[in-house]
Amino acid sequence: MDVLRKLFGLDGRPKLMFHGAAQTVTGSMHLLRLDGHTVSLDCGMFQGRRRDARKRNTEFPIPPAQIDALLLSHAHIDHSGRIPHLTKNGFTGRIYATGATSDLCDIMLADSGHIQEEDARFWNEKRARDASEFIEPLYTVDDARAAMRFFQHIPYNQTFAFADGARATFIEAGHILGSACVLIELDKPESIRILFTGDLGRFHMPILRDPTNPLPSVDYLITESTYADRYHDNPTDMKENLARIIGETVATGGKVIIPAFSVGRTQNVVYYLVQAIHEGLLAPLPIFVDSPLSTNATEVFKKHPECYDEAARDFWMHNGDIFGKGYVKYITQVNDSKALNTRSDPHVIIASSGMCEAGRILHHLKNNIEDSRNTVIVVGFMANHTLGRRIVERRREVKIFGRQYKLDCRVEILNGFSAHADITAFKDVLRPMAETLKAAFVVHGEGIQPLAMRNLLMNAGCERVCIPEPGEIHEL
C-alpha cells in the first residue's frame, strides 16, 4: 500500500519507480506513473539462485491489473520473461513491441513456459520430500501462448499513443533482432522527454543495423550499464578467427563444438561461417545447428530482413539466404541429435544452452571433450558456477550429468561476439546527449558497472546521475 500511495500520489507529476534490474543485470522492469496511468518498461525474469528467483519472479511492485500498458524493449527473457505471469494475474492492457520482438516472444516465452513446467515436474517428482514442498510453474506453455494476444506490433520510428497525452517511438538499439530504445514523450503537466535504452547494442556487428546514433535529445535517460567498465574485442575479426580455428581442427580430423545462445549468437555464428565458405576462407564441411529454439529463432530472423544491415541485405539478395541453405542442417528431433554422436568425420555442431548448463550441448560436450583432436569454441560470456566457466578456465576435469570428464580437447575463446555496448559504444552514443539531461538513471548493471556509467555520464556533463535501488521512486 505504501508503494501505491507513493507511486500514485495526488500531485499528478510523472514518477519513475525502479523495480527489476536495479543494481543487478536481470529482471528488467520499471514503472512510469502518469496522470491516471501506470506503464511498465519491460517485464523481465530474474535469473539466479532458485529461492531468490522464485520470490522475485512471483511478486510485482503493484498488482498487474493496475498496470495499463507495457513498453517492451526486446525479447530476451530477462526483459520479457514474466509477461505470461503478468497477463495471467490480471493485466489486460496492451504490450507494445516491434514486430520482430513480438515474433521472437512468441517462441521464446513458450519455450520458457515449457522449461517452467519441466522444472516444476522434476522438483516435485525428484526433490520434494512431500506434497507440502511441491511447486507450481511460474507459467505454462498455454499461459505464454495466451499472453501473445496482448501484443501490438509497432514499426521502428513510428510514434504511437499509449496513454492520454503520452507517446512513444521505438528506435533501433542494435542489440538483437527487433530490439529498441524507447523514446517517451509526455505533454502534461509540461513537455517531458524520456529515453529508455533497454539493452544497447554494438556497432559493426553482423546481420543487424547499428544502434541509432545520435540518439534524440531528452530530459531524462534510463540506461543499461552491463559492460560500461570494459572493452570488447573487434567483431570484424571473428569471422577470420572462426574459419582459422575450424580449419586447424579439421586438419587434425577433429570436430568443433560451439555452445551458443539460441537467439542472436547462433545466427551470427552461422552467418559468419556461411560468409567464410563463400569467400574461400573455409572449405565446405557439415555444419549442424542442434536446437529446436535456435531453429525457430532462425525462422523469425528470416521473416524480418527489414532489420538487416546493408551488408546482410546485400548477401541475402545475392545468395537467397544468410543462414546456411545448402551448408547448414537444422536439427529439432532428438533421434537426429543423438545420431551426431556416431559421426566420425570432421564437422561443426552449434547447440544451446550458451553457458552449457542445460540442453543438447551437454551431450555433445561429454561425447567430445576427452578427444584432443576436437575443439570447443566459446563465443559468449560464461557466468560463475557454470560448466561453461569451468571450460573457459580449462579445468583438468569437468562434471557433466554427475560424472567427471577429462577436458583434453582444445578450448578457444572468442570474445568479440557480445551484443552489448562496451565503453567505446557507450561513449559514442550517450556522451553527446549528456549535457542536456536533467537526470540519468543507471540500471541493468552490478558492482562497478553502474559506477563506471555514472562516471562516464558525469564526465560528459550530466550533473545528476542516480543508481537507483529496487523500489526507489523519482519524481520527474
Protein backbone atom coordinates (compact mmCIF):
# COMPACT_ATOMS: atom_id res chain seq x y z
CA MET A 1 0.00 0.00 0.00
CA ASP A 2 2.88 2.39 0.71
CA VAL A 3 4.19 1.73 -2.79
CA LEU A 4 0.82 2.56 -4.31
CA ARG A 5 0.49 5.79 -2.29
CA LYS A 6 4.00 6.94 -3.23
CA LEU A 7 3.63 5.98 -6.86
CA PHE A 8 0.10 7.21 -7.45
CA GLY A 9 0.31 10.33 -5.27
CA LEU A 10 -2.00 13.29 -5.61
CA ASP A 11 0.12 15.91 -7.33
CA GLY A 12 -0.19 14.41 -10.82
CA ARG A 13 3.50 14.72 -11.67
CA PRO A 14 5.09 11.80 -13.58
CA LYS A 15 7.07 9.39 -11.43
CA LEU A 16 9.53 6.61 -12.16
CA MET A 17 9.76 3.53 -9.97
CA PHE A 18 12.72 1.20 -10.39
CA HIS A 19 11.95 -2.44 -9.70
CA GLY A 20 13.84 -5.14 -11.63
CA ALA A 21 17.41 -4.79 -12.95
CA ALA A 22 18.11 -2.07 -10.39
CA GLN A 23 21.69 -2.73 -9.24
CA THR A 24 21.54 -6.14 -10.91
CA VAL A 25 21.57 -7.42 -14.50
CA THR A 26 18.37 -9.44 -14.80
CA GLY A 27 14.65 -8.99 -14.34
CA SER A 28 14.31 -5.64 -16.13
CA MET A 29 11.13 -3.81 -15.07
CA HIS A 30 10.49 -0.14 -14.27
CA LEU A 31 7.19 1.67 -13.80
CA LEU A 32 6.25 5.07 -15.18
CA ARG A 33 3.29 6.67 -13.41
CA LEU A 34 1.43 9.29 -15.42
CA ASP A 35 -1.77 11.18 -14.69
CA GLY A 36 -4.12 8.24 -14.19
CA HIS A 37 -1.98 5.63 -15.96
CA THR A 38 0.80 3.25 -14.97
CA VAL A 39 3.09 1.95 -17.69
CA SER A 40 5.73 -0.77 -17.34
CA LEU A 41 9.04 -0.56 -19.14
CA ASP A 42 9.88 -4.24 -19.75
CA CYS A 43 8.72 -7.19 -17.66
CA GLY A 44 11.76 -9.44 -17.37
CA MET A 45 12.51 -12.59 -15.46
CA PHE A 46 15.06 -12.55 -12.65
CA GLN A 47 17.64 -15.28 -13.24
CA GLY A 48 19.65 -16.51 -10.27
CA ARG A 49 19.53 -18.92 -7.35
CA ARG A 50 16.25 -20.85 -7.23
CA ARG A 51 14.94 -19.44 -3.94
CA ASP A 52 15.72 -15.81 -4.78
CA ALA A 53 14.44 -16.16 -8.32
CA ARG A 54 11.18 -17.75 -7.22
CA LYS A 55 10.40 -14.93 -4.79
CA ARG A 56 11.35 -12.12 -7.15
CA ASN A 57 9.56 -13.57 -10.15
CA THR A 58 6.24 -14.20 -8.39
CA GLU A 59 5.96 -10.69 -6.96
CA PHE A 60 5.16 -7.46 -8.81
CA PRO A 61 5.64 -3.96 -7.39
CA ILE A 62 1.91 -3.28 -7.82
CA PRO A 63 -1.00 -5.57 -8.79
CA PRO A 64 -0.82 -6.42 -12.51
CA ALA A 65 -4.39 -5.20 -13.01
CA GLN A 66 -3.22 -1.68 -12.14
CA ILE A 67 -0.63 -1.65 -14.94
CA ASP A 68 -2.27 -0.14 -18.01
CA ALA A 69 0.36 -0.76 -20.70
CA LEU A 70 3.76 -2.33 -21.29
CA LEU A 71 6.52 -0.91 -23.50
CA LEU A 72 8.85 -3.80 -24.34
CA SER A 73 12.41 -3.06 -25.46
CA HIS A 74 13.28 -6.55 -26.73
CA ALA A 75 12.62 -10.27 -26.43
CA HIS A 76 15.44 -11.53 -24.19
CA ILE A 77 13.94 -13.41 -21.25
CA ASP A 78 15.50 -11.09 -18.67
CA HIS A 79 13.41 -8.31 -20.30
CA SER A 80 10.25 -10.19 -21.37
CA GLY A 81 10.17 -13.42 -19.37
CA ARG A 82 7.47 -12.55 -16.83
CA ILE A 83 4.91 -11.33 -19.35
CA PRO A 84 2.80 -14.55 -19.18
CA HIS A 85 2.83 -14.31 -15.37
CA LEU A 86 1.68 -10.69 -15.68
CA THR A 87 -1.15 -11.44 -18.08
CA LYS A 88 -2.47 -14.44 -16.16
CA ASN A 89 -2.60 -12.37 -12.97
CA GLY A 90 -4.81 -9.54 -14.11
CA PHE A 91 -3.03 -7.39 -16.72
CA THR A 92 -5.45 -6.50 -19.52
CA GLY A 93 -3.66 -3.65 -21.29
CA ARG A 94 -1.59 -3.63 -24.45
CA ILE A 95 2.01 -4.77 -24.88
CA TYR A 96 3.76 -2.56 -27.42
CA ALA A 97 6.77 -4.04 -29.23
CA THR A 98 8.36 -4.16 -32.66
CA GLY A 99 7.15 -6.89 -34.99
CA ALA A 100 10.38 -8.86 -34.70
CA THR A 101 10.30 -8.63 -30.89
CA SER A 102 6.72 -9.91 -30.88
CA ASP A 103 7.60 -12.84 -33.14
CA LEU A 104 10.61 -13.77 -31.01
CA CYS A 105 8.50 -13.55 -27.84
CA ASP A 106 6.02 -15.95 -29.42
CA ILE A 107 8.64 -18.71 -29.46
CA MET A 108 10.79 -17.69 -26.52
CA LEU A 109 8.00 -17.31 -23.96
CA ALA A 110 6.52 -20.67 -24.99
CA ASP A 111 9.96 -22.23 -24.58
CA SER A 112 10.28 -20.58 -21.17
CA GLY A 113 6.86 -21.92 -20.20
CA HIS A 114 7.96 -25.43 -21.17
CA ILE A 115 11.07 -25.04 -19.02
CA GLN A 116 8.91 -23.86 -16.10
CA GLU A 117 6.67 -26.91 -16.44
CA GLU A 118 9.58 -29.34 -16.69
CA ASP A 119 11.38 -27.71 -13.77
CA ALA A 120 8.30 -27.99 -11.55
CA ARG A 121 7.71 -31.60 -12.60
CA PHE A 122 11.33 -32.57 -11.87
CA TRP A 123 11.29 -30.84 -8.50
CA ASN A 124 8.00 -32.38 -7.43
CA GLU A 125 9.00 -35.89 -8.54
CA LYS A 126 12.67 -35.97 -7.55
CA ARG A 127 13.38 -33.33 -4.92
CA ALA A 128 10.25 -32.58 -2.90
CA ARG A 129 10.01 -34.67 0.26
CA ASP A 130 6.21 -34.41 0.41
CA ALA A 131 3.31 -32.53 -1.16
CA SER A 132 3.92 -29.50 1.06
CA GLU A 133 7.14 -28.84 -0.91
CA PHE A 134 5.53 -29.11 -4.35
CA ILE A 135 5.91 -26.07 -6.62
CA GLU A 136 3.81 -24.76 -9.50
CA PRO A 137 5.35 -23.47 -12.71
CA LEU A 138 5.53 -19.68 -12.83
CA TYR A 139 3.53 -20.08 -16.03
CA THR A 140 2.84 -22.77 -18.64
CA VAL A 141 3.15 -23.01 -22.39
CA ASP A 142 -0.57 -22.27 -22.62
CA ASP A 143 -0.14 -19.17 -20.47
CA ALA A 144 2.64 -17.99 -22.78
CA ARG A 145 0.50 -18.51 -25.86
CA ALA A 146 -2.41 -16.68 -24.24
CA ALA A 147 -0.17 -13.71 -23.47
CA MET A 148 0.53 -13.11 -27.16
CA ARG A 149 -2.96 -11.73 -27.77
CA PHE A 150 -2.00 -8.62 -25.78
CA PHE A 151 0.86 -7.72 -28.16
CA GLN A 152 0.55 -4.85 -30.62
CA HIS A 153 3.24 -4.63 -33.31
CA ILE A 154 4.75 -1.20 -33.84
CA PRO A 155 7.29 -0.44 -36.60
CA TYR A 156 10.54 1.32 -35.84
CA ASN A 157 10.40 5.15 -35.86
CA GLN A 158 6.59 5.26 -35.84
CA THR A 159 5.23 7.36 -32.98
CA PHE A 160 2.18 5.93 -31.21
CA ALA A 161 -0.01 6.96 -28.28
CA PHE A 162 0.00 4.60 -25.30
CA ALA A 163 -1.93 6.85 -22.87
CA ASP A 164 -3.66 10.21 -22.88
CA GLY A 165 -1.01 12.83 -23.57
CA ALA A 166 1.75 10.21 -23.84
CA ARG A 167 3.52 8.91 -26.95
CA ALA A 168 6.38 6.53 -27.63
CA THR A 169 8.70 5.69 -30.52
CA PHE A 170 10.85 2.57 -30.95
CA ILE A 171 14.37 3.43 -32.12
CA GLU A 172 16.93 0.88 -33.36
CA ALA A 173 19.07 -0.38 -30.44
CA GLY A 174 21.21 -2.81 -32.46
CA HIS A 175 21.23 -5.42 -29.67
CA ILE A 176 19.17 -8.34 -31.01
CA LEU A 177 16.59 -8.70 -33.76
CA GLY A 178 13.78 -6.23 -33.04
CA SER A 179 15.50 -4.55 -30.09
CA ALA A 180 14.67 -0.92 -29.46
CA CYS A 181 15.44 2.09 -27.37
CA VAL A 182 12.12 3.61 -26.27
CA LEU A 183 11.59 7.36 -26.65
CA ILE A 184 8.72 8.55 -24.44
CA GLU A 185 7.14 11.99 -24.87
CA LEU A 186 4.75 13.41 -22.28
CA ASP A 187 2.57 16.51 -22.76
CA LYS A 188 1.47 17.20 -19.19
CA PRO A 189 1.90 18.77 -16.74
CA GLU A 190 4.55 20.03 -19.20
CA SER A 191 6.56 18.60 -22.07
CA ILE A 192 8.93 15.85 -20.84
CA ARG A 193 11.07 13.52 -22.95
CA ILE A 194 12.46 10.23 -21.59
CA LEU A 195 14.72 7.68 -23.28
CA PHE A 196 14.89 4.07 -22.05
CA THR A 197 17.81 2.31 -23.74
CA GLY A 198 16.72 -1.26 -23.00
CA ASP A 199 19.94 -3.09 -23.88
CA LEU A 200 22.10 -1.04 -26.20
CA GLY A 201 23.96 -2.93 -28.94
CA ARG A 202 27.30 -2.53 -30.67
CA PHE A 203 28.50 -1.08 -33.94
CA HIS A 204 29.71 -3.21 -36.88
CA MET A 205 28.09 -6.43 -35.66
CA PRO A 206 26.84 -8.98 -38.21
CA ILE A 207 23.28 -9.02 -39.57
CA LEU A 208 21.73 -6.16 -37.57
CA ARG A 209 21.75 -2.43 -38.15
CA ASP A 210 23.94 -0.35 -35.86
CA PRO A 211 22.37 1.42 -32.87
CA THR A 212 20.79 4.76 -33.73
CA ASN A 213 23.39 7.49 -33.45
CA PRO A 214 22.89 10.23 -32.48
CA LEU A 215 20.07 9.42 -30.11
CA PRO A 216 17.40 12.09 -29.65
CA SER A 217 17.88 14.83 -27.08
CA VAL A 218 15.84 14.10 -23.93
CA ASP A 219 15.29 15.36 -20.39
CA TYR A 220 15.72 12.02 -18.65
CA LEU A 221 17.75 8.93 -19.56
CA ILE A 222 17.33 5.38 -18.23
CA THR A 223 20.37 3.45 -19.40
CA GLU A 224 21.76 -0.03 -19.01
CA SER A 225 25.37 -0.39 -17.87
CA THR A 226 26.17 -4.08 -18.40
CA TYR A 227 29.61 -3.54 -19.93
CA ALA A 228 30.25 0.08 -19.04
CA ASP A 229 33.53 -0.98 -17.43
CA ARG A 230 35.18 -2.89 -20.32
CA TYR A 231 36.15 -3.01 -23.98
CA HIS A 232 35.12 -5.83 -26.33
CA ASP A 233 37.31 -7.43 -28.96
CA ASN A 234 36.80 -6.21 -32.52
CA PRO A 235 33.77 -8.05 -34.01
CA THR A 236 35.18 -7.81 -37.53
CA ASP A 237 37.96 -10.27 -36.58
CA MET A 238 35.56 -13.02 -35.52
CA LYS A 239 34.85 -14.44 -38.98
CA GLU A 240 38.53 -14.95 -39.77
CA ASN A 241 39.20 -16.41 -36.32
CA LEU A 242 36.32 -18.86 -36.62
CA ALA A 243 37.48 -20.01 -40.05
CA ARG A 244 41.08 -20.40 -38.87
CA ILE A 245 40.22 -22.43 -35.76
CA ILE A 246 37.78 -24.69 -37.60
CA GLY A 247 40.27 -25.23 -40.44
CA GLU A 248 43.01 -26.20 -37.98
CA THR A 249 40.67 -28.63 -36.21
CA VAL A 250 39.54 -30.22 -39.48
CA ALA A 251 43.19 -30.74 -40.41
CA THR A 252 43.60 -32.97 -37.33
CA GLY A 253 40.42 -34.91 -38.12
CA GLY A 254 38.58 -33.31 -35.20
CA LYS A 255 35.13 -31.91 -34.52
CA VAL A 256 34.17 -28.39 -33.42
CA ILE A 257 31.59 -27.83 -30.69
CA ILE A 258 30.19 -24.30 -30.24
CA PRO A 259 27.87 -23.57 -27.29
CA ALA A 260 25.71 -20.62 -28.32
CA PHE A 261 22.61 -18.80 -27.18
CA SER A 262 19.66 -19.63 -29.43
CA VAL A 263 18.73 -16.05 -30.30
CA GLY A 264 21.33 -13.80 -31.84
CA ARG A 265 24.56 -15.64 -31.15
CA THR A 266 23.67 -18.78 -33.13
CA GLN A 267 22.55 -16.71 -36.15
CA ASN A 268 25.71 -14.57 -36.04
CA VAL A 269 27.98 -17.62 -35.96
CA VAL A 270 26.10 -19.29 -38.83
CA TYR A 271 26.21 -16.11 -40.92
CA TYR A 272 29.95 -15.77 -40.41
CA LEU A 273 30.53 -19.42 -41.34
CA VAL A 274 28.44 -19.10 -44.50
CA GLN A 275 30.32 -15.93 -45.45
CA ALA A 276 33.66 -17.65 -44.78
CA ILE A 277 32.71 -20.52 -47.09
CA HIS A 278 31.57 -18.13 -49.84
CA GLU A 279 34.80 -16.14 -49.53
CA GLY A 280 37.03 -19.20 -49.61
CA LEU A 281 38.25 -18.74 -46.03
CA LEU A 282 36.76 -22.10 -45.03
CA ALA A 283 36.26 -25.27 -47.06
CA PRO A 284 32.65 -26.53 -47.01
CA LEU A 285 32.01 -29.08 -44.26
CA PRO A 286 28.96 -30.42 -42.41
CA ILE A 287 27.53 -27.79 -40.03
CA PHE A 288 24.70 -28.64 -37.63
CA VAL A 289 22.55 -26.33 -35.52
CA ASP A 290 21.18 -28.70 -32.89
CA SER A 291 18.43 -26.81 -31.08
CA PRO A 292 14.67 -26.52 -31.67
CA LEU A 293 14.64 -22.98 -30.23
CA SER A 294 17.58 -21.92 -32.41
CA THR A 295 15.80 -23.36 -35.45
CA ASN A 296 12.60 -21.49 -34.65
CA ALA A 297 14.50 -18.29 -33.90
CA THR A 298 16.30 -18.52 -37.24
CA GLU A 299 12.92 -18.72 -38.98
CA VAL A 300 11.96 -15.47 -37.23
CA PHE A 301 15.21 -13.88 -38.44
CA LYS A 302 14.30 -14.92 -41.99
CA LYS A 303 10.92 -13.18 -41.64
CA HIS A 304 12.46 -9.83 -40.80
CA PRO A 305 15.01 -8.74 -43.40
CA GLU A 306 13.90 -5.16 -42.67
CA CYS A 307 16.10 -5.44 -39.56
CA TYR A 308 19.24 -6.40 -41.52
CA ASP A 309 22.13 -4.04 -42.12
CA GLU A 310 23.24 -3.19 -45.66
CA ALA A 311 25.83 -5.98 -45.87
CA ALA A 312 23.38 -8.67 -44.71
CA ARG A 313 20.67 -7.41 -47.07
CA ASP A 314 23.12 -7.46 -49.96
CA PHE A 315 24.24 -11.02 -49.11
CA TRP A 316 20.58 -12.07 -48.78
CA MET A 317 19.65 -10.51 -52.13
CA HIS A 318 22.53 -12.16 -53.99
CA ASN A 319 22.55 -15.56 -52.25
CA GLY A 320 18.93 -16.01 -51.20
CA ASP A 321 19.71 -16.94 -47.60
CA ILE A 322 22.17 -15.77 -44.95
CA PHE A 323 21.57 -18.69 -42.62
CA GLY A 324 23.26 -21.54 -44.42
CA LYS A 325 20.95 -23.02 -47.03
CA GLY A 326 22.93 -25.84 -48.60
CA TYR A 327 25.59 -25.70 -45.89
CA VAL A 328 23.80 -25.95 -42.54
CA LYS A 329 21.38 -28.57 -41.26
CA TYR A 330 18.99 -27.51 -38.51
CA ILE A 331 18.09 -30.32 -36.12
CA THR A 332 14.95 -30.46 -33.99
CA GLN A 333 14.33 -34.19 -33.45
CA VAL A 334 16.04 -35.99 -30.55
CA ASN A 335 16.97 -39.02 -32.67
CA ASP A 336 18.71 -36.80 -35.23
CA SER A 337 20.62 -35.12 -32.41
CA LYS A 338 21.72 -38.48 -31.00
CA ALA A 339 22.84 -39.58 -34.46
CA LEU A 340 25.52 -36.87 -34.44
CA ASN A 341 27.35 -38.83 -31.76
CA THR A 342 28.03 -41.64 -34.21
CA ARG A 343 29.71 -39.41 -36.83
CA SER A 344 33.49 -39.64 -37.02
CA ASP A 345 34.07 -37.13 -39.83
CA PRO A 346 35.08 -33.51 -39.07
CA HIS A 347 32.04 -31.29 -38.59
CA VAL A 348 30.71 -28.33 -36.60
CA ILE A 349 27.93 -28.54 -34.01
CA ILE A 350 26.30 -25.36 -32.68
CA ALA A 351 23.98 -26.07 -29.76
CA SER A 352 22.42 -24.41 -26.74
CA SER A 353 22.46 -23.53 -23.92
CA GLY A 354 25.03 -20.80 -24.24
CA MET A 355 26.55 -21.33 -20.78
CA CYS A 356 26.47 -25.13 -21.08
CA GLU A 357 24.09 -25.54 -18.15
CA ALA A 358 21.33 -27.46 -19.92
CA GLY A 359 20.16 -28.70 -23.27
CA ARG A 360 21.74 -30.74 -26.03
CA ILE A 361 25.14 -29.07 -25.73
CA LEU A 362 25.78 -31.20 -22.62
CA HIS A 363 25.57 -34.42 -24.64
CA HIS A 364 27.91 -33.11 -27.33
CA LEU A 365 30.43 -31.95 -24.74
CA LYS A 366 30.51 -35.23 -22.85
CA ASN A 367 30.99 -37.13 -26.10
CA ASN A 368 33.78 -34.94 -27.43
CA ILE A 369 35.83 -33.11 -24.80
CA GLU A 370 38.07 -36.08 -23.97
CA ASP A 371 39.44 -36.20 -27.54
CA SER A 372 42.44 -33.90 -28.07
CA ARG A 373 41.64 -33.59 -31.80
CA ASN A 374 38.39 -31.74 -31.04
CA THR A 375 37.84 -28.07 -30.25
CA VAL A 376 35.30 -26.22 -28.13
CA ILE A 377 34.88 -22.61 -29.27
CA VAL A 378 33.45 -20.32 -26.60
CA VAL A 379 31.63 -17.37 -28.19
CA GLY A 380 29.84 -15.88 -25.19
CA PHE A 381 30.20 -14.81 -21.58
CA MET A 382 30.23 -17.69 -19.10
CA ALA A 383 28.93 -16.79 -15.65
CA ASN A 384 30.48 -18.03 -12.44
CA HIS A 385 29.49 -21.51 -11.26
CA THR A 386 28.55 -22.72 -14.77
CA LEU A 387 30.02 -25.58 -16.78
CA GLY A 388 30.91 -23.03 -19.44
CA ARG A 389 33.05 -21.08 -16.98
CA ARG A 390 34.87 -24.26 -15.91
CA ILE A 391 35.63 -24.98 -19.57
CA VAL A 392 36.89 -21.42 -20.07
CA GLU A 393 39.14 -21.89 -17.02
CA ARG A 394 40.40 -25.11 -18.65
CA ARG A 395 39.86 -27.28 -15.59
CA ARG A 396 41.54 -30.66 -15.87
CA GLU A 397 38.17 -32.34 -15.32
CA VAL A 398 34.57 -31.14 -15.51
CA LYS A 399 31.38 -32.73 -14.27
CA ILE A 400 28.61 -33.47 -16.78
CA PHE A 401 25.48 -35.39 -15.79
CA GLY A 402 27.12 -36.27 -12.47
CA ARG A 403 30.25 -37.82 -13.97
CA GLN A 404 33.76 -36.38 -14.30
CA TYR A 405 35.20 -35.99 -17.82
CA LYS A 406 38.77 -35.06 -18.73
CA LEU A 407 38.99 -31.75 -20.57
CA ASP A 408 41.54 -32.89 -23.14
CA CYS A 409 40.13 -31.06 -26.14
CA ARG A 410 41.34 -27.69 -27.41
CA VAL A 411 39.46 -24.68 -25.98
CA GLU A 412 39.35 -21.39 -27.89
CA ILE A 413 37.69 -18.22 -26.60
CA LEU A 414 36.34 -15.56 -28.99
CA ASN A 415 35.16 -12.52 -27.02
CA GLY A 416 34.10 -10.36 -29.93
CA PHE A 417 30.53 -11.65 -30.23
CA SER A 418 28.94 -9.80 -27.30
CA ALA A 419 25.77 -7.99 -28.37
CA HIS A 420 26.07 -5.42 -25.54
CA ALA A 421 27.62 -2.00 -25.94
CA ASP A 422 31.03 -1.54 -24.32
CA ILE A 423 32.80 1.62 -23.16
CA THR A 424 33.52 2.75 -26.73
CA ALA A 425 29.92 2.36 -27.89
CA PHE A 426 28.50 4.00 -24.77
CA LYS A 427 30.78 7.00 -25.27
CA ASP A 428 29.83 7.29 -28.93
CA VAL A 429 26.09 7.14 -28.27
CA LEU A 430 25.48 8.62 -24.81
CA ARG A 431 28.18 11.25 -24.36
CA PRO A 432 26.73 13.70 -26.95
CA MET A 433 23.37 13.82 -25.13
CA ALA A 434 24.69 14.04 -21.56
CA GLU A 435 24.96 17.83 -21.23
CA THR A 436 21.27 18.43 -21.91
CA LEU A 437 19.98 15.83 -19.43
CA LYS A 438 18.16 16.89 -16.30
CA ALA A 439 18.97 13.47 -14.83
CA ALA A 440 20.14 9.99 -15.79
CA PHE A 441 19.25 6.72 -14.10
CA VAL A 442 21.71 3.83 -14.41
CA VAL A 443 20.25 0.30 -14.33
CA HIS A 444 20.99 -3.23 -15.60
CA GLY A 445 24.44 -3.44 -14.05
CA GLU A 446 26.05 -4.53 -10.82
CA GLY A 447 29.24 -3.89 -8.90
CA ILE A 448 31.46 -1.39 -10.68
CA GLN A 449 29.40 -1.37 -13.89
CA PRO A 450 26.84 1.30 -12.87
CA LEU A 451 29.61 3.30 -11.20
CA ALA A 452 31.55 3.30 -14.47
CA MET A 453 28.46 4.51 -16.34
CA ARG A 454 27.84 7.24 -13.76
CA ASN A 455 31.41 8.46 -14.20
CA LEU A 456 31.08 8.41 -17.99
CA LEU A 457 27.88 10.49 -17.91
CA MET A 458 29.09 12.95 -15.29
CA ASN A 459 32.39 13.48 -17.11
CA ALA A 460 30.34 14.20 -20.24
CA GLY A 461 28.36 16.93 -18.47
CA CYS A 462 25.32 15.30 -16.82
CA GLU A 463 25.17 16.75 -13.32
CA ARG A 464 22.64 14.35 -11.80
CA VAL A 465 23.23 10.61 -12.24
CA CYS A 466 21.38 8.17 -9.98
CA ILE A 467 21.96 4.46 -9.41
CA PRO A 468 18.52 3.57 -8.04
CA GLU A 469 17.84 0.77 -5.58
CA PRO A 470 14.88 -1.58 -6.11
CA GLY A 471 11.68 0.21 -5.10
CA GLU A 472 13.18 3.68 -5.39
CA ILE A 473 10.78 6.32 -6.78
CA HIS A 474 11.80 9.54 -8.53
CA GLU A 475 9.51 12.41 -9.47
CA LEU A 476 10.12 13.93 -12.90
